Amino acid sequence: MRVRDVMSTNVQSCSNQDNLETVAQKMQSLNVGSLPVVENGQVVGMVTDRDLAIRGIAGHQNSISQVASHNVVTCSPDASLEEAAALMSQNQVRRLPVVENGQLVGIVALGDLAVREQSNESAGGALTNISKPDQLQ
């Protein structure tokens, strides 16, 4: 089974020019905790509700470009569910933007992997590693 078989394709996004309030309202209306940051169809970041609170409000920042994570890990729609789970685990993320030919085509979440019987083990392993605190070097 491939990522394209389980990913969400109706993905909403925001841009670097958006302000925090607009993005927070969008998250609220969509009932989501994160949004990809997209410029010209390409994923350039991810922003979470935690980013808005910690980096934005508490850090006195005003724009998404100041609070979003810009080193975004993505996957291909042709990646296996095991590959997606491994990427999530290695990078301690619960969602991966799905990119094809440089353009955002979907998003796959840890929950998408968990609902598929054959990938329950991969999803469980990914969750274990995602939930581990970062190790200090």
C-alpha atoms as a PDB file:
ATOM      1  CA  MET A   1       0.000   0.000   0.000  1.00  0.00           C
ATOM      2  CA  ARG A   2       1.211   3.482  -0.869  1.00  0.00           C
ATOM      3  CA  VAL A   3       0.850   6.923   0.718  1.00  0.00           C
ATOM      4  CA  ARG A   4      -1.509   7.969  -2.106  1.00  0.00           C
ATOM      5  CA  ASP A   5      -3.959   5.306  -0.872  1.00  0.00           C
ATOM      6  CA  VAL A   6      -4.365   6.873   2.582  1.00  0.00           C
ATOM      7  CA  MET A   7      -3.394  10.558   2.276  1.00  0.00           C
ATOM      8  CA  SER A   8      -5.820  13.455   2.543  1.00  0.00           C
ATOM      9  CA  THR A   9      -6.002  15.349  -0.724  1.00  0.00           C
ATOM     10  CA  ASN A  10      -8.166  18.295   0.275  1.00  0.00           C
ATOM     11  CA  VAL A  11      -5.310  20.091   2.039  1.00  0.00           C
ATOM     12  CA  GLN A  12      -5.690  23.658   3.208  1.00  0.00           C
ATOM     13  CA  SER A  13      -2.593  25.784   3.609  1.00  0.00           C
ATOM     14  CA  CYS A  14      -1.346  29.237   4.525  1.00  0.00           C
ATOM     15  CA  SER A  15       1.419  31.487   3.213  1.00  0.00           C
ATOM     16  CA  ASN A  16       4.400  33.219   4.772  1.00  0.00           C
ATOM     17  CA  GLN A  17       2.591  36.544   4.389  1.00  0.00           C
ATOM     18  CA  ASP A  18      -0.342  35.492   6.581  1.00  0.00           C
ATOM     19  CA  ASN A  19      -0.581  36.858  10.089  1.00  0.00           C
ATOM     20  CA  LEU A  20      -0.955  34.694  13.174  1.00  0.00           C
ATOM     21  CA  GLU A  21      -4.585  35.569  13.811  1.00  0.00           C
ATOM     22  CA  THR A  22      -5.677  34.611  10.283  1.00  0.00           C
ATOM     23  CA  VAL A  23      -3.891  31.266  10.499  1.00  0.00           C
ATOM     24  CA  ALA A  24      -5.244  30.557  13.986  1.00  0.00           C
ATOM     25  CA  GLN A  25      -8.776  31.276  12.776  1.00  0.00           C
ATOM     26  CA  LYS A  26      -8.252  29.003   9.776  1.00  0.00           C
ATOM     27  CA  MET A  27      -7.020  26.198  12.045  1.00  0.00           C
ATOM     28  CA  GLN A  28     -10.023  26.716  14.300  1.00  0.00           C
ATOM     29  CA  SER A  29     -12.548  26.614  11.449  1.00  0.00           C
ATOM     30  CA  LEU A  30     -10.905  23.512   9.943  1.00  0.00           C
ATOM     31  CA  ASN A  31     -10.427  21.869  13.362  1.00  0.00           C
ATOM     32  CA  VAL A  32      -6.755  21.143  12.633  1.00  0.00           C
ATOM     33  CA  GLY A  33      -3.567  21.715  14.589  1.00  0.00           C
ATOM     34  CA  SER A  34      -1.181  22.365  11.728  1.00  0.00           C
ATOM     35  CA  LEU A  35      -1.048  23.755   8.211  1.00  0.00           C
ATOM     36  CA  PRO A  36       1.555  23.553   5.483  1.00  0.00           C
ATOM     37  CA  VAL A  37       3.018  26.887   4.448  1.00  0.00           C
ATOM     38  CA  VAL A  38       2.855  27.066   0.659  1.00  0.00           C
ATOM     39  CA  GLU A  39       4.313  29.537  -1.828  1.00  0.00           C
ATOM     40  CA  ASN A  40       3.662  29.022  -5.550  1.00  0.00           C
ATOM     41  CA  GLY A  41       2.347  25.517  -4.868  1.00  0.00           C
ATOM     42  CA  GLN A  42       5.527  24.441  -3.094  1.00  0.00           C
ATOM     43  CA  VAL A  43       5.765  23.558   0.589  1.00  0.00           C
ATOM     44  CA  VAL A  44       8.151  25.976   2.275  1.00  0.00           C
ATOM     45  CA  GLY A  45       7.189  25.334   5.902  1.00  0.00           C
ATOM     46  CA  MET A  46       4.798  23.889   8.448  1.00  0.00           C
ATOM     47  CA  VAL A  47       3.084  25.795  11.214  1.00  0.00           C
ATOM     48  CA  THR A  48       1.374  24.270  14.236  1.00  0.00           C
ATOM     49  CA  ASP A  49      -0.937  25.654  16.866  1.00  0.00           C
ATOM     50  CA  ARG A  50       1.993  25.296  19.275  1.00  0.00           C
ATOM     51  CA  ASP A  51       4.179  27.421  16.954  1.00  0.00           C
ATOM     52  CA  LEU A  52       1.523  30.131  17.025  1.00  0.00           C
ATOM     53  CA  ALA A  53       1.436  30.114  20.821  1.00  0.00           C
ATOM     54  CA  ILE A  54       5.110  29.613  21.726  1.00  0.00           C
ATOM     55  CA  ARG A  55       7.031  31.261  18.896  1.00  0.00           C
ATOM     56  CA  GLY A  56       4.317  33.720  17.915  1.00  0.00           C
ATOM     57  CA  ILE A  57       2.453  35.086  20.898  1.00  0.00           C
ATOM     58  CA  ALA A  58       5.036  34.338  23.591  1.00  0.00           C
ATOM     59  CA  GLY A  59       7.892  35.301  21.237  1.00  0.00           C
ATOM     60  CA  HIS A  60       6.185  38.530  20.128  1.00  0.00           C
ATOM     61  CA  GLN A  61       6.311  37.608  16.426  1.00  0.00           C
ATOM     62  CA  ASN A  62       3.666  38.659  13.898  1.00  0.00           C
ATOM     63  CA  SER A  63       3.997  36.614  10.723  1.00  0.00           C
ATOM     64  CA  ILE A  64       3.989  32.976   9.786  1.00  0.00           C
ATOM     65  CA  SER A  65       7.448  33.294   8.212  1.00  0.00           C
ATOM     66  CA  GLN A  66       8.755  34.105  11.714  1.00  0.00           C
ATOM     67  CA  VAL A  67       7.129  31.175  13.512  1.00  0.00           C
ATOM     68  CA  ALA A  68       6.866  28.292  11.020  1.00  0.00           C
ATOM     69  CA  SER A  69       9.323  25.429  10.765  1.00  0.00           C
ATOM     70  CA  HIS A  70      11.104  25.741   7.437  1.00  0.00           C
ATOM     71  CA  ASN A  71      13.055  22.468   7.282  1.00  0.00           C
ATOM     72  CA  VAL A  72      10.039  20.446   6.200  1.00  0.00           C
ATOM     73  CA  VAL A  73      10.231  16.722   5.625  1.00  0.00           C
ATOM     74  CA  THR A  74       8.003  15.579   2.765  1.00  0.00           C
ATOM     75  CA  CYS A  75       7.266  12.324   1.026  1.00  0.00           C
ATOM     76  CA  SER A  76       6.116  11.147  -2.367  1.00  0.00           C
ATOM     77  CA  PRO A  77       2.612   9.779  -2.950  1.00  0.00           C
ATOM     78  CA  ASP A  78       4.365   6.635  -4.235  1.00  0.00           C
ATOM     79  CA  ALA A  79       6.215   6.047  -0.947  1.00  0.00           C
ATOM     80  CA  SER A  80       5.191   2.965   0.996  1.00  0.00           C
ATOM     81  CA  LEU A  81       3.392   3.364   4.308  1.00  0.00           C
ATOM     82  CA  GLU A  82       6.449   1.887   5.995  1.00  0.00           C
ATOM     83  CA  GLU A  83       8.663   4.557   4.401  1.00  0.00           C
ATOM     84  CA  ALA A  84       6.287   7.296   5.576  1.00  0.00           C
ATOM     85  CA  ALA A  85       6.244   5.852   9.095  1.00  0.00           C
ATOM     86  CA  ALA A  86      10.048   5.710   9.111  1.00  0.00           C
ATOM     87  CA  LEU A  87      10.275   9.368   8.017  1.00  0.00           C
ATOM     88  CA  MET A  88       7.841  10.384  10.755  1.00  0.00           C
ATOM     89  CA  SER A  89       9.788   8.420  13.319  1.00  0.00           C
ATOM     90  CA  GLN A  90      13.236   9.701  12.281  1.00  0.00           C
ATOM     91  CA  ASN A  91      12.074  13.311  12.201  1.00  0.00           C
ATOM     92  CA  GLN A  92       9.656  13.167  15.136  1.00  0.00           C
ATOM     93  CA  VAL A  93       6.669  14.508  13.162  1.00  0.00           C
ATOM     94  CA  ARG A  94       3.061  13.368  13.070  1.00  0.00           C
ATOM     95  CA  ARG A  95       2.233  14.730   9.614  1.00  0.00           C
ATOM     96  CA  LEU A  96       4.040  14.688   6.292  1.00  0.00           C
ATOM     97  CA  PRO A  97       3.158  16.907   3.360  1.00  0.00           C
ATOM     98  CA  VAL A  98       2.937  14.794   0.218  1.00  0.00           C
ATOM     99  CA  VAL A  99       4.716  16.368  -2.746  1.00  0.00           C
ATOM    100  CA  GLU A 100       4.720  15.351  -6.409  1.00  0.00           C
ATOM    101  CA  ASN A 101       6.713  17.242  -9.052  1.00  0.00           C
ATOM    102  CA  GLY A 102       7.474  19.901  -6.431  1.00  0.00           C
ATOM    103  CA  GLN A 103       3.784  20.607  -5.748  1.00  0.00           C
ATOM    104  CA  LEU A 104       1.726  19.853  -2.631  1.00  0.00           C
ATOM    105  CA  VAL A 105      -0.771  17.094  -3.469  1.00  0.00           C
ATOM    106  CA  GLY A 106      -1.773  15.863  -0.023  1.00  0.00           C
ATOM    107  CA  ILE A 107      -0.868  15.239   3.558  1.00  0.00           C
ATOM    108  CA  VAL A 108      -0.480  11.990   5.446  1.00  0.00           C
ATOM    109  CA  ALA A 109      -0.885  11.826   9.211  1.00  0.00           C
ATOM    110  CA  LEU A 110       0.181   9.218  11.713  1.00  0.00           C
ATOM    111  CA  GLY A 111      -3.500   8.415  12.191  1.00  0.00           C
ATOM    112  CA  ASP A 112      -3.823   7.623   8.477  1.00  0.00           C
ATOM    113  CA  LEU A 113      -1.137   4.983   8.902  1.00  0.00           C
ATOM    114  CA  ALA A 114      -2.662   3.582  12.074  1.00  0.00           C
ATOM    115  CA  VAL A 115      -6.067   2.827  10.539  1.00  0.00           C
ATOM    116  CA  ARG A 116      -4.559   0.433   8.011  1.00  0.00           C
ATOM    117  CA  GLU A 117      -4.192  -3.043   9.503  1.00  0.00           C
ATOM    118  CA  GLN A 118      -0.885  -3.929   7.847  1.00  0.00           C
ATOM    119  CA  SER A 119       0.725  -0.675   8.912  1.00  0.00           C
ATOM    120  CA  ASN A 120      -0.367  -0.653  12.555  1.00  0.00           C
ATOM    121  CA  GLU A 121       3.043  -1.929  13.601  1.00  0.00           C
ATOM    122  CA  SER A 122       4.843   0.782  11.597  1.00  0.00           C
ATOM    123  CA  ALA A 123       2.554   3.471  13.007  1.00  0.00           C
ATOM    124  CA  GLY A 124       3.088   2.203  16.549  1.00  0.00           C
ATOM    125  CA  GLY A 125       6.845   2.270  16.091  1.00  0.00           C
ATOM    126  CA  ALA A 126       6.699   5.749  14.623  1.00  0.00           C
ATOM    127  CA  LEU A 127       4.576   7.026  17.512  1.00  0.00           C
ATOM    128  CA  THR A 128       7.027   5.590  20.021  1.00  0.00           C
ATOM    129  CA  ASN A 129       9.922   7.454  18.402  1.00  0.00           C
ATOM    130  CA  ILE A 130       7.948  10.645  17.760  1.00  0.00           C
ATOM    131  CA  SER A 131       7.015  10.799  21.417  1.00  0.00           C
ATOM    132  CA  LYS A 132      10.591  10.399  22.678  1.00  0.00           C
ATOM    133  CA  PRO A 133      12.177  13.590  23.947  1.00  0.00           C
ATOM    134  CA  ASP A 134      15.041  14.902  21.824  1.00  0.00           C
ATOM    135  CA  GLN A 135      18.363  13.643  23.063  1.00  0.00           C
ATOM    136  CA  LEU A 136      20.872  16.266  24.044  1.00  0.00           C
ATOM    137  CA  GLN A 137      24.183  15.971  22.285  1.00  0.00           C
END
